[in-house]
Amino acid sequence: MIYTRKKYPDGGIYAEVTDFSNPIITERINSYEDLFFIKSLKEVCDYNDIKGVKLIIPCLFQQQHDRRFQSNQSFELKIVAKFLNSCKFKSVTVFHPHSDATEMGLKKFHRLDNSDFVTKVLNDIGAKPVLLSTDGGSYKWINKLADVIDFQGEVYGANKARVNSIENGVVVHKLVQLIDRQDFEGRDVLVVDDLCVFGGTFVGLAKMLRERNVGKLYLAVSHMTVQNPNKELETLYDGIFCTNSKYDSYDLTNLKVFKYF
């Protein structure tokens, strides 16, 4: 399907479709305007009686808001899922979703995993590093990933613990990372995760790993949600990899972006 986004002089948007063949919509969603544009495209298809329209979302908008954090706060992923469900697509495919709540919330859901992306990263590195997940929640899927790509090397998982400290007489809760392995014996390590915002988690993890006799240190994240992540990532990682699921370029000099969308 071939389409364009048009704008009125006052900033309003509308969709214009010039070719309805192969009715697949692939759209990066970085704002509520992008989300509404998808609805506009589906409305054009419905009006022209186009059946079986499929949607592919490189990075689902608001997927980190995967629960109601406080009773007086909105549940954004639930709202987004309901909005997309109302469009009645034949299928909705999401690349490497952040949360199982995505699958539970979206109807006719299909998952596009990160196996091809990580395979390309490993080929680019040209060695067999230790694969490392960032927390207990991602350890299950990184093992599944290793099976899918037939990875024969070691797979480790970091963990997070909540600790309390007293600062200025006030109890402060902090999340700290834990890694069981104390010595990586000079092995290269590839940290794999689904998304990076500013990268604080990866900065802290890299500093810990640098004290545990690692060789080269690499980072592969499927999604980077801001274009200007922490510049400290450049000095701590020998190579950083991501896809263009959110943006085409990022403000990191040692970052390689694989083009998928």
C-alpha atoms as a PDB file:
ATOM      1  CA  MET A   1       0.000   0.000   0.000  1.00  0.00           C
ATOM      2  CA  ILE A   2       1.290   3.468  -0.888  1.00  0.00           C
ATOM      3  CA  TYR A   3       0.149   6.412   1.199  1.00  0.00           C
ATOM      4  CA  THR A   4       1.191   9.843   2.436  1.00  0.00           C
ATOM      5  CA  ARG A   5       0.450  12.014   5.439  1.00  0.00           C
ATOM      6  CA  LYS A   6      -1.030  15.381   4.520  1.00  0.00           C
ATOM      7  CA  LYS A   7      -1.416  18.468   6.690  1.00  0.00           C
ATOM      8  CA  TYR A   8      -3.900  21.303   6.652  1.00  0.00           C
ATOM      9  CA  PRO A   9      -2.597  24.855   7.178  1.00  0.00           C
ATOM     10  CA  ASP A  10      -3.828  24.789  10.784  1.00  0.00           C
ATOM     11  CA  GLY A  11      -1.813  21.629  11.552  1.00  0.00           C
ATOM     12  CA  GLY A  12      -4.581  19.052  11.195  1.00  0.00           C
ATOM     13  CA  ILE A  13      -3.585  15.823   9.444  1.00  0.00           C
ATOM     14  CA  TYR A  14      -5.257  13.476   7.021  1.00  0.00           C
ATOM     15  CA  ALA A  15      -4.257  10.355   5.092  1.00  0.00           C
ATOM     16  CA  GLU A  16      -4.139   9.956   1.321  1.00  0.00           C
ATOM     17  CA  VAL A  17      -3.752   6.498  -0.228  1.00  0.00           C
ATOM     18  CA  THR A  18      -2.617   6.216  -3.852  1.00  0.00           C
ATOM     19  CA  ASP A  19      -2.250   2.428  -4.092  1.00  0.00           C
ATOM     20  CA  PHE A  20      -4.369  -0.064  -2.131  1.00  0.00           C
ATOM     21  CA  SER A  21      -2.563  -3.193  -3.349  1.00  0.00           C
ATOM     22  CA  ASN A  22      -0.783  -5.264  -0.677  1.00  0.00           C
ATOM     23  CA  PRO A  23      -2.750  -3.643   2.180  1.00  0.00           C
ATOM     24  CA  ILE A  24      -0.051  -3.514   4.854  1.00  0.00           C
ATOM     25  CA  ILE A  25       0.561  -0.425   6.974  1.00  0.00           C
ATOM     26  CA  THR A  26       4.029  -0.150   8.527  1.00  0.00           C
ATOM     27  CA  GLU A  27       4.282   2.917  10.732  1.00  0.00           C
ATOM     28  CA  ARG A  28       6.646   4.086  13.422  1.00  0.00           C
ATOM     29  CA  ILE A  29       4.602   5.581  16.264  1.00  0.00           C
ATOM     30  CA  ASN A  30       6.447   8.311  18.155  1.00  0.00           C
ATOM     31  CA  SER A  31       3.474  10.477  19.114  1.00  0.00           C
ATOM     32  CA  TYR A  32      -0.285  10.465  19.468  1.00  0.00           C
ATOM     33  CA  GLU A  33      -0.425  12.179  16.086  1.00  0.00           C
ATOM     34  CA  ASP A  34       1.302   9.132  14.567  1.00  0.00           C
ATOM     35  CA  LEU A  35      -1.239   6.909  16.284  1.00  0.00           C
ATOM     36  CA  PHE A  36      -4.124   8.943  14.904  1.00  0.00           C
ATOM     37  CA  PHE A  37      -2.594   8.789  11.411  1.00  0.00           C
ATOM     38  CA  ILE A  38      -2.880   4.996  11.535  1.00  0.00           C
ATOM     39  CA  LYS A  39      -6.569   5.381  12.363  1.00  0.00           C
ATOM     40  CA  SER A  40      -6.927   7.773   9.410  1.00  0.00           C
ATOM     41  CA  LEU A  41      -5.304   5.268   7.042  1.00  0.00           C
ATOM     42  CA  LYS A  42      -7.635   2.505   8.196  1.00  0.00           C
ATOM     43  CA  GLU A  43     -10.637   4.810   7.692  1.00  0.00           C
ATOM     44  CA  VAL A  44      -9.629   5.353   4.052  1.00  0.00           C
ATOM     45  CA  CYS A  45      -9.273   1.588   3.575  1.00  0.00           C
ATOM     46  CA  ASP A  46     -12.668   0.930   5.136  1.00  0.00           C
ATOM     47  CA  TYR A  47     -14.332   3.573   2.970  1.00  0.00           C
ATOM     48  CA  ASN A  48     -12.874   1.949  -0.152  1.00  0.00           C
ATOM     49  CA  ASP A  49     -13.910  -1.519   1.087  1.00  0.00           C
ATOM     50  CA  ILE A  50     -10.310  -2.794   1.348  1.00  0.00           C
ATOM     51  CA  LYS A  51     -10.330  -6.062   3.291  1.00  0.00           C
ATOM     52  CA  GLY A  52      -7.634  -7.758   5.346  1.00  0.00           C
ATOM     53  CA  VAL A  53      -5.557  -4.688   6.199  1.00  0.00           C
ATOM     54  CA  LYS A  54      -2.549  -5.606   8.360  1.00  0.00           C
ATOM     55  CA  LEU A  55      -0.583  -3.306  10.682  1.00  0.00           C
ATOM     56  CA  ILE A  56       3.129  -3.604  11.495  1.00  0.00           C
ATOM     57  CA  ILE A  57       4.418  -1.483  14.380  1.00  0.00           C
ATOM     58  CA  PRO A  58       8.225  -1.246  14.669  1.00  0.00           C
ATOM     59  CA  CYS A  59       8.065   0.038  18.267  1.00  0.00           C
ATOM     60  CA  LEU A  60       4.759   0.247  20.100  1.00  0.00           C
ATOM     61  CA  PHE A  61       4.058   3.680  21.552  1.00  0.00           C
ATOM     62  CA  GLN A  62       3.728   3.886  25.369  1.00  0.00           C
ATOM     63  CA  GLN A  63       4.599   0.221  25.890  1.00  0.00           C
ATOM     64  CA  GLN A  64       6.635   1.024  29.012  1.00  0.00           C
ATOM     65  CA  HIS A  65       3.412   2.234  30.655  1.00  0.00           C
ATOM     66  CA  ASP A  66       2.306  -1.387  30.913  1.00  0.00           C
ATOM     67  CA  ARG A  67       0.342  -1.065  34.167  1.00  0.00           C
ATOM     68  CA  ARG A  68      -1.372   1.535  36.295  1.00  0.00           C
ATOM     69  CA  PHE A  69       1.509   2.742  38.464  1.00  0.00           C
ATOM     70  CA  GLN A  70      -0.718   4.828  40.768  1.00  0.00           C
ATOM     71  CA  SER A  71      -4.492   4.789  41.226  1.00  0.00           C
ATOM     72  CA  ASN A  72      -4.698   8.428  40.109  1.00  0.00           C
ATOM     73  CA  GLN A  73      -2.655   7.845  36.928  1.00  0.00           C
ATOM     74  CA  SER A  74      -3.782   6.628  33.521  1.00  0.00           C
ATOM     75  CA  PHE A  75      -2.859   3.229  32.055  1.00  0.00           C
ATOM     76  CA  GLU A  76      -1.443   4.376  28.718  1.00  0.00           C
ATOM     77  CA  LEU A  77      -0.675   1.012  27.088  1.00  0.00           C
ATOM     78  CA  LYS A  78      -4.241  -0.088  27.762  1.00  0.00           C
ATOM     79  CA  ILE A  79      -5.533   3.079  26.099  1.00  0.00           C
ATOM     80  CA  VAL A  80      -3.283   2.608  23.058  1.00  0.00           C
ATOM     81  CA  ALA A  81      -4.271  -1.064  22.736  1.00  0.00           C
ATOM     82  CA  LYS A  82      -7.987  -0.227  22.877  1.00  0.00           C
ATOM     83  CA  PHE A  83      -7.481   2.467  20.241  1.00  0.00           C
ATOM     84  CA  LEU A  84      -5.712   0.064  17.889  1.00  0.00           C
ATOM     85  CA  ASN A  85      -8.251  -2.692  18.526  1.00  0.00           C
ATOM     86  CA  SER A  86     -11.004  -0.303  17.467  1.00  0.00           C
ATOM     87  CA  CYS A  87      -9.385  -0.089  14.012  1.00  0.00           C
ATOM     88  CA  LYS A  88     -10.129  -3.805  13.454  1.00  0.00           C
ATOM     89  CA  PHE A  89      -6.972  -4.779  11.577  1.00  0.00           C
ATOM     90  CA  LYS A  90      -6.629  -8.313  10.268  1.00  0.00           C
ATOM     91  CA  SER A  91      -3.449  -8.582  12.355  1.00  0.00           C
ATOM     92  CA  VAL A  92      -1.220  -6.323  14.437  1.00  0.00           C
ATOM     93  CA  THR A  93       2.469  -7.224  14.420  1.00  0.00           C
ATOM     94  CA  VAL A  94       4.820  -5.645  16.973  1.00  0.00           C
ATOM     95  CA  PHE A  95       8.601  -5.888  16.796  1.00  0.00           C
ATOM     96  CA  HIS A  96      10.098  -7.103  20.091  1.00  0.00           C
ATOM     97  CA  PRO A  97       7.395  -5.819  22.464  1.00  0.00           C
ATOM     98  CA  HIS A  98       8.560  -4.649  25.864  1.00  0.00           C
ATOM     99  CA  SER A  99       5.848  -6.284  27.926  1.00  0.00           C
ATOM    100  CA  ASP A 100       3.545  -9.296  27.908  1.00  0.00           C
ATOM    101  CA  ALA A 101       0.779  -6.759  28.549  1.00  0.00           C
ATOM    102  CA  THR A 102       1.156  -5.796  24.885  1.00  0.00           C
ATOM    103  CA  GLU A 103       0.162  -9.275  23.750  1.00  0.00           C
ATOM    104  CA  MET A 104      -2.684  -9.452  26.234  1.00  0.00           C
ATOM    105  CA  GLY A 105      -4.019  -6.041  25.250  1.00  0.00           C
ATOM    106  CA  LEU A 106      -3.887  -6.269  21.453  1.00  0.00           C
ATOM    107  CA  LYS A 107      -6.303  -8.395  19.445  1.00  0.00           C
ATOM    108  CA  LYS A 108      -4.962 -10.544  16.592  1.00  0.00           C
ATOM    109  CA  PHE A 109      -1.452  -9.934  17.912  1.00  0.00           C
ATOM    110  CA  HIS A 110       1.706 -11.237  16.249  1.00  0.00           C
ATOM    111  CA  ARG A 111       5.200 -10.959  17.691  1.00  0.00           C
ATOM    112  CA  LEU A 112       8.216 -10.167  15.509  1.00  0.00           C
ATOM    113  CA  ASP A 113      11.212 -11.295  17.547  1.00  0.00           C
ATOM    114  CA  ASN A 114      14.747  -9.894  17.607  1.00  0.00           C
ATOM    115  CA  SER A 115      16.502 -13.059  16.400  1.00  0.00           C
ATOM    116  CA  ASP A 116      17.470 -11.665  12.992  1.00  0.00           C
ATOM    117  CA  PHE A 117      18.740  -8.448  14.575  1.00  0.00           C
ATOM    118  CA  VAL A 118      20.914 -10.222  17.155  1.00  0.00           C
ATOM    119  CA  THR A 119      22.240 -12.622  14.491  1.00  0.00           C
ATOM    120  CA  LYS A 120      23.377  -9.633  12.438  1.00  0.00           C
ATOM    121  CA  VAL A 121      25.013  -8.118  15.510  1.00  0.00           C
ATOM    122  CA  LEU A 122      26.910 -11.341  16.223  1.00  0.00           C
ATOM    123  CA  ASN A 123      28.051 -11.530  12.596  1.00  0.00           C
ATOM    124  CA  ASP A 124      29.220  -7.922  12.792  1.00  0.00           C
ATOM    125  CA  ILE A 125      31.177  -8.578  15.975  1.00  0.00           C
ATOM    126  CA  GLY A 126      32.773 -11.620  14.376  1.00  0.00           C
ATOM    127  CA  ALA A 127      33.321 -13.461  17.648  1.00  0.00           C
ATOM    128  CA  LYS A 128      31.339 -15.540  20.107  1.00  0.00           C
ATOM    129  CA  PRO A 129      30.726 -13.334  23.142  1.00  0.00           C
ATOM    130  CA  VAL A 130      28.909 -14.126  26.346  1.00  0.00           C
ATOM    131  CA  LEU A 131      25.259 -13.090  25.996  1.00  0.00           C
ATOM    132  CA  LEU A 132      24.011 -11.112  28.990  1.00  0.00           C
ATOM    133  CA  SER A 133      20.471  -9.990  29.832  1.00  0.00           C
ATOM    134  CA  THR A 134      19.936  -6.952  32.029  1.00  0.00           C
ATOM    135  CA  ASP A 135      17.472  -8.307  34.579  1.00  0.00           C
ATOM    136  CA  GLY A 136      15.508 -11.350  35.651  1.00  0.00           C
ATOM    137  CA  GLY A 137      12.563 -10.404  33.475  1.00  0.00           C
ATOM    138  CA  SER A 138      14.608 -10.582  30.289  1.00  0.00           C
ATOM    139  CA  TYR A 139      16.584 -13.715  31.199  1.00  0.00           C
ATOM    140  CA  LYS A 140      13.757 -16.001  30.060  1.00  0.00           C
ATOM    141  CA  TRP A 141      13.537 -14.510  26.578  1.00  0.00           C
ATOM    142  CA  ILE A 142      17.317 -14.252  26.070  1.00  0.00           C
ATOM    143  CA  ASN A 143      17.533 -18.018  26.636  1.00  0.00           C
ATOM    144  CA  LYS A 144      14.714 -18.518  24.154  1.00  0.00           C
ATOM    145  CA  LEU A 145      16.583 -16.248  21.739  1.00  0.00           C
ATOM    146  CA  ALA A 146      19.731 -18.373  22.146  1.00  0.00           C
ATOM    147  CA  ASP A 147      17.704 -21.458  21.193  1.00  0.00           C
ATOM    148  CA  VAL A 148      16.127 -19.753  18.167  1.00  0.00           C
ATOM    149  CA  ILE A 149      19.471 -18.609  16.728  1.00  0.00           C
ATOM    150  CA  ASP A 150      21.265 -21.803  17.840  1.00  0.00           C
ATOM    151  CA  PHE A 151      23.747 -19.837  19.952  1.00  0.00           C
ATOM    152  CA  GLN A 152      26.327 -22.238  21.370  1.00  0.00           C
ATOM    153  CA  GLY A 153      28.036 -19.843  23.785  1.00  0.00           C
ATOM    154  CA  GLU A 154      27.351 -18.896  27.388  1.00  0.00           C
ATOM    155  CA  VAL A 155      24.244 -16.975  28.456  1.00  0.00           C
ATOM    156  CA  TYR A 156      24.132 -15.039  31.710  1.00  0.00           C
ATOM    157  CA  GLY A 157      21.550 -12.830  33.375  1.00  0.00           C
ATOM    158  CA  ALA A 158      21.991  -9.795  35.557  1.00  0.00           C
ATOM    159  CA  ASN A 159      19.442  -9.110  38.261  1.00  0.00           C
ATOM    160  CA  LYS A 160      18.088  -6.098  40.065  1.00  0.00           C
ATOM    161  CA  ALA A 161      17.623  -5.719  43.788  1.00  0.00           C
ATOM    162  CA  ARG A 162      15.923  -2.976  45.753  1.00  0.00           C
ATOM    163  CA  VAL A 163      18.053  -1.652  48.584  1.00  0.00           C
ATOM    164  CA  ASN A 164      17.357   1.019  51.190  1.00  0.00           C
ATOM    165  CA  SER A 165      19.720   3.741  52.295  1.00  0.00           C
ATOM    166  CA  ILE A 166      19.449   6.746  54.590  1.00  0.00           C
ATOM    167  CA  GLU A 167      20.064  10.117  52.925  1.00  0.00           C
ATOM    168  CA  ASN A 168      19.652  13.256  55.029  1.00  0.00           C
ATOM    169  CA  GLY A 169      17.616  11.276  57.515  1.00  0.00           C
ATOM    170  CA  VAL A 170      15.227   9.972  54.856  1.00  0.00           C
ATOM    171  CA  VAL A 171      14.922   6.363  53.686  1.00  0.00           C
ATOM    172  CA  VAL A 172      15.682   6.212  49.951  1.00  0.00           C
ATOM    173  CA  HIS A 173      14.875   3.146  47.813  1.00  0.00           C
ATOM    174  CA  LYS A 174      17.315   2.357  45.017  1.00  0.00           C
ATOM    175  CA  LEU A 175      17.538  -0.359  42.381  1.00  0.00           C
ATOM    176  CA  VAL A 176      20.986  -1.920  42.075  1.00  0.00           C
ATOM    177  CA  GLN A 177      22.206  -4.504  39.577  1.00  0.00           C
ATOM    178  CA  LEU A 178      23.691  -7.834  40.537  1.00  0.00           C
ATOM    179  CA  ILE A 179      25.747 -10.286  38.465  1.00  0.00           C
ATOM    180  CA  ASP A 180      26.597 -13.729  39.811  1.00  0.00           C
ATOM    181  CA  ARG A 181      29.774 -14.116  37.767  1.00  0.00           C
ATOM    182  CA  GLN A 182      32.758 -12.303  39.249  1.00  0.00           C
ATOM    183  CA  ASP A 183      35.364 -12.989  36.527  1.00  0.00           C
ATOM    184  CA  PHE A 184      34.604 -13.159  32.805  1.00  0.00           C
ATOM    185  CA  GLU A 185      38.188 -14.277  32.097  1.00  0.00           C
ATOM    186  CA  GLY A 186      38.721 -11.736  29.338  1.00  0.00           C
ATOM    187  CA  ARG A 187      35.679 -12.891  27.364  1.00  0.00           C
ATOM    188  CA  ASP A 188      33.793 -10.415  25.211  1.00  0.00           C
ATOM    189  CA  VAL A 189      30.273  -9.663  26.435  1.00  0.00           C
ATOM    190  CA  LEU A 190      27.199  -8.679  24.427  1.00  0.00           C
ATOM    191  CA  VAL A 191      24.465  -7.080  26.525  1.00  0.00           C
ATOM    192  CA  VAL A 192      21.078  -7.655  24.874  1.00  0.00           C
ATOM    193  CA  ASP A 193      17.855  -5.868  25.768  1.00  0.00           C
ATOM    194  CA  ASP A 194      14.654  -4.693  24.153  1.00  0.00           C
ATOM    195  CA  LEU A 195      14.893  -0.950  24.690  1.00  0.00           C
ATOM    196  CA  CYS A 196      17.065   1.917  25.852  1.00  0.00           C
ATOM    197  CA  VAL A 197      15.747   5.315  26.908  1.00  0.00           C
ATOM    198  CA  PHE A 198      18.672   7.396  28.169  1.00  0.00           C
ATOM    199  CA  GLY A 199      20.766   4.333  29.017  1.00  0.00           C
ATOM    200  CA  GLY A 200      21.343   4.640  32.761  1.00  0.00           C
ATOM    201  CA  THR A 201      20.827   0.905  33.262  1.00  0.00           C
ATOM    202  CA  PHE A 202      23.456   0.094  30.634  1.00  0.00           C
ATOM    203  CA  VAL A 203      25.920   2.630  32.014  1.00  0.00           C
ATOM    204  CA  GLY A 204      25.713   1.111  35.479  1.00  0.00           C
ATOM    205  CA  LEU A 205      25.950  -2.422  34.118  1.00  0.00           C
ATOM    206  CA  ALA A 206      29.002  -1.581  31.990  1.00  0.00           C
ATOM    207  CA  LYS A 207      30.856  -0.059  34.948  1.00  0.00           C
ATOM    208  CA  MET A 208      30.235  -3.223  36.931  1.00  0.00           C
ATOM    209  CA  LEU A 209      31.360  -5.449  34.066  1.00  0.00           C
ATOM    210  CA  ARG A 210      34.548  -3.424  33.507  1.00  0.00           C
ATOM    211  CA  GLU A 211      35.573  -4.453  37.026  1.00  0.00           C
ATOM    212  CA  ARG A 212      35.041  -8.130  36.260  1.00  0.00           C
ATOM    213  CA  ASN A 213      37.683  -8.823  33.656  1.00  0.00           C
ATOM    214  CA  VAL A 214      35.644  -8.553  30.475  1.00  0.00           C
ATOM    215  CA  GLY A 215      37.211  -8.249  27.040  1.00  0.00           C
ATOM    216  CA  LYS A 216      35.296  -6.088  24.603  1.00  0.00           C
ATOM    217  CA  LEU A 217      31.875  -4.931  25.685  1.00  0.00           C
ATOM    218  CA  TYR A 218      28.968  -4.556  23.259  1.00  0.00           C
ATOM    219  CA  LEU A 219      25.354  -3.460  23.580  1.00  0.00           C
ATOM    220  CA  ALA A 220      22.433  -4.500  21.352  1.00  0.00           C
ATOM    221  CA  VAL A 221      18.998  -2.971  21.961  1.00  0.00           C
ATOM    222  CA  SER A 222      16.060  -3.374  19.615  1.00  0.00           C
ATOM    223  CA  HIS A 223      14.655   0.084  20.369  1.00  0.00           C
ATOM    224  CA  MET A 224      16.190   3.418  21.354  1.00  0.00           C
ATOM    225  CA  THR A 225      13.356   5.699  22.380  1.00  0.00           C
ATOM    226  CA  VAL A 226      15.284   8.997  22.449  1.00  0.00           C
ATOM    227  CA  GLN A 227      17.781  10.282  19.910  1.00  0.00           C
ATOM    228  CA  ASN A 228      20.236  11.608  22.495  1.00  0.00           C
ATOM    229  CA  PRO A 229      20.976   8.821  25.002  1.00  0.00           C
ATOM    230  CA  ASN A 230      23.688   9.140  27.653  1.00  0.00           C
ATOM    231  CA  LYS A 231      26.994   9.945  25.929  1.00  0.00           C
ATOM    232  CA  GLU A 232      28.800   7.874  28.567  1.00  0.00           C
ATOM    233  CA  LEU A 233      27.627   4.823  26.640  1.00  0.00           C
ATOM    234  CA  GLU A 234      30.194   5.706  23.965  1.00  0.00           C
ATOM    235  CA  THR A 235      33.105   5.426  26.369  1.00  0.00           C
ATOM    236  CA  LEU A 236      31.908   2.288  28.146  1.00  0.00           C
ATOM    237  CA  TYR A 237      30.916   0.131  25.153  1.00  0.00           C
ATOM    238  CA  ASP A 238      33.182  -0.855  22.271  1.00  0.00           C
ATOM    239  CA  GLY A 239      30.160  -1.061  19.975  1.00  0.00           C
ATOM    240  CA  ILE A 240      26.460  -0.276  20.215  1.00  0.00           C
ATOM    241  CA  PHE A 241      23.770  -1.679  17.911  1.00  0.00           C
ATOM    242  CA  CYS A 242      20.082  -0.972  17.437  1.00  0.00           C
ATOM    243  CA  THR A 243      17.388  -0.900  14.757  1.00  0.00           C
ATOM    244  CA  ASN A 244      15.598   2.056  13.200  1.00  0.00           C
ATOM    245  CA  SER A 245      12.341   1.118  14.938  1.00  0.00           C
ATOM    246  CA  LYS A 246      12.039   4.633  16.394  1.00  0.00           C
ATOM    247  CA  TYR A 247      14.481   6.891  14.509  1.00  0.00           C
ATOM    248  CA  ASP A 248      16.937   6.653  11.629  1.00  0.00           C
ATOM    249  CA  SER A 249      19.914   8.100  13.529  1.00  0.00           C
ATOM    250  CA  TYR A 250      21.062   8.740  17.084  1.00  0.00           C
ATOM    251  CA  ASP A 251      23.594  10.966  18.806  1.00  0.00           C
ATOM    252  CA  LEU A 252      26.200   8.263  19.460  1.00  0.00           C
ATOM    253  CA  THR A 253      29.375   7.961  17.410  1.00  0.00           C
ATOM    254  CA  ASN A 254      29.950   4.207  17.893  1.00  0.00           C
ATOM    255  CA  LEU A 255      26.362   3.192  17.157  1.00  0.00           C
ATOM    256  CA  LYS A 256      25.398   1.023  14.182  1.00  0.00           C
ATOM    257  CA  VAL A 257      21.749   1.118  13.132  1.00  0.00           C
ATOM    258  CA  PHE A 258      20.295  -1.803  11.197  1.00  0.00           C
ATOM    259  CA  LYS A 259      17.554  -0.668   8.827  1.00  0.00           C
ATOM    260  CA  TYR A 260      14.383  -2.720   9.036  1.00  0.00           C
ATOM    261  CA  PHE A 261      11.517  -0.223   8.793  1.00  0.00           C
END
